[in-house]
Structures are given as structure tokens and as C-alpha cells.
Amino acid sequence: MSQQPTHAELKQELAATKVVEPLLPIEKKLIAGSLITGIALLVVLVVVNHLFPLNV
């Protein structure tokens, strides 16, 4: 069976692999599109709620 690495070994391995890859342009566009879509839908929800409030 394989041994589980210790906490110190994991910490050392993570410290050795501090390579940060930049986001691709398409990834940036997807993130921006998702954020814009989410904010736009929130605005639509607020407007619809203001125009047609639930009177319970």
C-alpha cells in the first residue's frame, strides 16, 4: 500500500510549486460575461419586484 504524505511534506511540495499561470483572454471574457450576466439579472429581479410586488 502507498503511504500518505505528511503535513510537512505537503507543505513543502506546495511551497515548491508556486507557479501562477495567467488567465487566458477567453477565460477573462468568460469571467466578465458571467459577472455582467449575474449583475444584469439581479437588476431585472429588482425592477420586476418593484413593479410587481408580492402582497401576501
N, C-alpha and C. Protein backbone atom coordinates (compact mmCIF):
# COMPACT_ATOMS: atom_id res chain seq x y z
N MET A 1 0.84 -1.20 0.00
CA MET A 1 0.00 0.00 0.00
C MET A 1 0.88 1.25 0.00
N SER A 2 0.32 2.34 -0.49
CA SER A 2 1.08 3.58 -0.53
C SER A 2 0.91 4.35 0.77
N GLN A 3 1.97 5.05 1.13
CA GLN A 3 1.93 5.85 2.35
C GLN A 3 1.30 7.20 2.05
N GLN A 4 0.57 7.72 3.02
CA GLN A 4 0.02 9.06 2.91
C GLN A 4 1.13 10.07 3.22
N PRO A 5 1.26 11.13 2.43
CA PRO A 5 2.28 12.14 2.73
C PRO A 5 1.92 12.89 4.02
N THR A 6 2.94 13.28 4.74
CA THR A 6 2.72 14.02 5.99
C THR A 6 2.39 15.47 5.68
N HIS A 7 1.95 16.16 6.72
CA HIS A 7 1.59 17.57 6.56
C HIS A 7 2.81 18.39 6.13
N ALA A 8 3.96 18.09 6.71
CA ALA A 8 5.18 18.83 6.37
C ALA A 8 5.57 18.59 4.91
N GLU A 9 5.41 17.34 4.45
CA GLU A 9 5.75 17.04 3.06
C GLU A 9 4.81 17.76 2.09
N LEU A 10 3.53 17.79 2.43
CA LEU A 10 2.58 18.51 1.59
C LEU A 10 2.88 20.00 1.56
N LYS A 11 3.21 20.55 2.70
CA LYS A 11 3.53 21.98 2.78
C LYS A 11 4.77 22.31 1.95
N GLN A 12 5.77 21.43 2.01
CA GLN A 12 6.98 21.63 1.24
C GLN A 12 6.70 21.52 -0.26
N GLU A 13 5.89 20.58 -0.65
CA GLU A 13 5.55 20.40 -2.06
C GLU A 13 4.78 21.61 -2.60
N LEU A 14 3.83 22.13 -1.82
CA LEU A 14 3.07 23.30 -2.24
C LEU A 14 3.96 24.53 -2.34
N ALA A 15 4.91 24.66 -1.42
CA ALA A 15 5.83 25.81 -1.46
C ALA A 15 6.73 25.73 -2.69
N ALA A 16 7.07 24.53 -3.12
CA ALA A 16 7.96 24.36 -4.27
C ALA A 16 7.24 24.63 -5.59
N THR A 17 5.92 24.52 -5.61
CA THR A 17 5.17 24.68 -6.86
C THR A 17 4.32 25.95 -6.83
N LYS A 18 4.94 27.08 -6.63
CA LYS A 18 4.24 28.36 -6.59
C LYS A 18 4.19 29.00 -7.97
N VAL A 19 3.91 28.21 -8.99
CA VAL A 19 3.80 28.73 -10.35
C VAL A 19 2.37 29.20 -10.57
N VAL A 20 2.24 30.46 -10.91
CA VAL A 20 0.92 31.04 -11.16
C VAL A 20 0.77 31.24 -12.66
N GLU A 21 -0.21 30.57 -13.24
CA GLU A 21 -0.44 30.73 -14.67
C GLU A 21 -1.42 31.87 -14.90
N PRO A 22 -1.11 32.76 -15.82
CA PRO A 22 -2.04 33.86 -16.11
C PRO A 22 -3.30 33.32 -16.80
N LEU A 23 -4.39 34.05 -16.64
CA LEU A 23 -5.63 33.66 -17.30
C LEU A 23 -5.53 33.92 -18.80
N LEU A 24 -6.13 33.02 -19.55
CA LEU A 24 -6.20 33.21 -20.99
C LEU A 24 -7.23 34.29 -21.31
N PRO A 25 -7.09 34.96 -22.45
CA PRO A 25 -8.07 36.00 -22.80
C PRO A 25 -9.51 35.49 -22.82
N ILE A 26 -9.72 34.26 -23.30
CA ILE A 26 -11.08 33.73 -23.34
C ILE A 26 -11.60 33.50 -21.92
N GLU A 27 -10.72 33.11 -21.00
CA GLU A 27 -11.13 32.93 -19.61
C GLU A 27 -11.54 34.26 -18.99
N LYS A 28 -10.80 35.31 -19.31
CA LYS A 28 -11.14 36.64 -18.80
C LYS A 28 -12.50 37.08 -19.34
N LYS A 29 -12.75 36.79 -20.64
CA LYS A 29 -14.04 37.16 -21.24
C LYS A 29 -15.18 36.37 -20.62
N LEU A 30 -14.95 35.08 -20.34
CA LEU A 30 -15.98 34.26 -19.72
C LEU A 30 -16.30 34.74 -18.30
N ILE A 31 -15.27 35.12 -17.54
CA ILE A 31 -15.49 35.62 -16.18
C ILE A 31 -16.26 36.93 -16.24
N ALA A 32 -15.83 37.84 -17.12
CA ALA A 32 -16.52 39.13 -17.24
C ALA A 32 -17.96 38.94 -17.69
N GLY A 33 -18.18 38.06 -18.65
CA GLY A 33 -19.53 37.80 -19.13
C GLY A 33 -20.42 37.23 -18.04
N SER A 34 -19.88 36.34 -17.24
CA SER A 34 -20.65 35.75 -16.14
C SER A 34 -21.01 36.80 -15.10
N LEU A 35 -20.06 37.66 -14.76
CA LEU A 35 -20.33 38.71 -13.78
C LEU A 35 -21.37 39.70 -14.31
N ILE A 36 -21.22 40.10 -15.56
CA ILE A 36 -22.18 41.05 -16.15
C ILE A 36 -23.57 40.43 -16.22
N THR A 37 -23.65 39.15 -16.61
CA THR A 37 -24.94 38.47 -16.67
C THR A 37 -25.59 38.40 -15.29
N GLY A 38 -24.81 38.06 -14.28
CA GLY A 38 -25.33 37.98 -12.92
C GLY A 38 -25.84 39.31 -12.42
N ILE A 39 -25.07 40.37 -12.65
CA ILE A 39 -25.49 41.70 -12.20
C ILE A 39 -26.73 42.15 -12.96
N ALA A 40 -26.77 41.89 -14.27
CA ALA A 40 -27.94 42.28 -15.07
C ALA A 40 -29.19 41.55 -14.60
N LEU A 41 -29.07 40.27 -14.29
CA LEU A 41 -30.23 39.52 -13.81
C LEU A 41 -30.69 40.00 -12.43
N LEU A 42 -29.75 40.41 -11.59
CA LEU A 42 -30.13 40.99 -10.30
C LEU A 42 -30.90 42.29 -10.49
N VAL A 43 -30.45 43.11 -11.44
CA VAL A 43 -31.15 44.37 -11.72
C VAL A 43 -32.55 44.08 -12.24
N VAL A 44 -32.69 43.11 -13.13
CA VAL A 44 -34.00 42.73 -13.65
C VAL A 44 -34.90 42.26 -12.51
N LEU A 45 -34.36 41.46 -11.61
CA LEU A 45 -35.13 40.98 -10.47
C LEU A 45 -35.62 42.13 -9.59
N VAL A 46 -34.76 43.10 -9.34
CA VAL A 46 -35.15 44.25 -8.51
C VAL A 46 -36.24 45.06 -9.21
N VAL A 47 -36.09 45.28 -10.52
CA VAL A 47 -37.09 46.06 -11.26
C VAL A 47 -38.43 45.34 -11.28
N VAL A 48 -38.42 44.05 -11.56
CA VAL A 48 -39.67 43.28 -11.59
C VAL A 48 -40.32 43.26 -10.22
N ASN A 49 -39.51 43.12 -9.18
CA ASN A 49 -40.03 43.12 -7.83
C ASN A 49 -40.63 44.48 -7.46
N HIS A 50 -40.02 45.54 -7.98
CA HIS A 50 -40.54 46.88 -7.70
C HIS A 50 -41.84 47.14 -8.44
N LEU A 51 -41.93 46.67 -9.68
CA LEU A 51 -43.12 46.90 -10.49
C LEU A 51 -44.28 45.98 -10.10
N PHE A 52 -43.97 44.76 -9.71
CA PHE A 52 -44.99 43.77 -9.35
C PHE A 52 -44.70 43.17 -7.98
N PRO A 53 -44.90 43.95 -6.92
CA PRO A 53 -44.59 43.42 -5.59
C PRO A 53 -45.57 42.34 -5.16
N LEU A 54 -45.10 41.43 -4.34
CA LEU A 54 -45.96 40.39 -3.79
C LEU A 54 -46.67 40.94 -2.56
N ASN A 55 -47.99 40.98 -2.60
CA ASN A 55 -48.75 41.45 -1.46
C ASN A 55 -49.34 40.23 -0.75
N VAL A 56 -48.58 39.67 0.13
CA VAL A 56 -49.02 38.45 0.83
C VAL A 56 -49.68 38.81 2.12
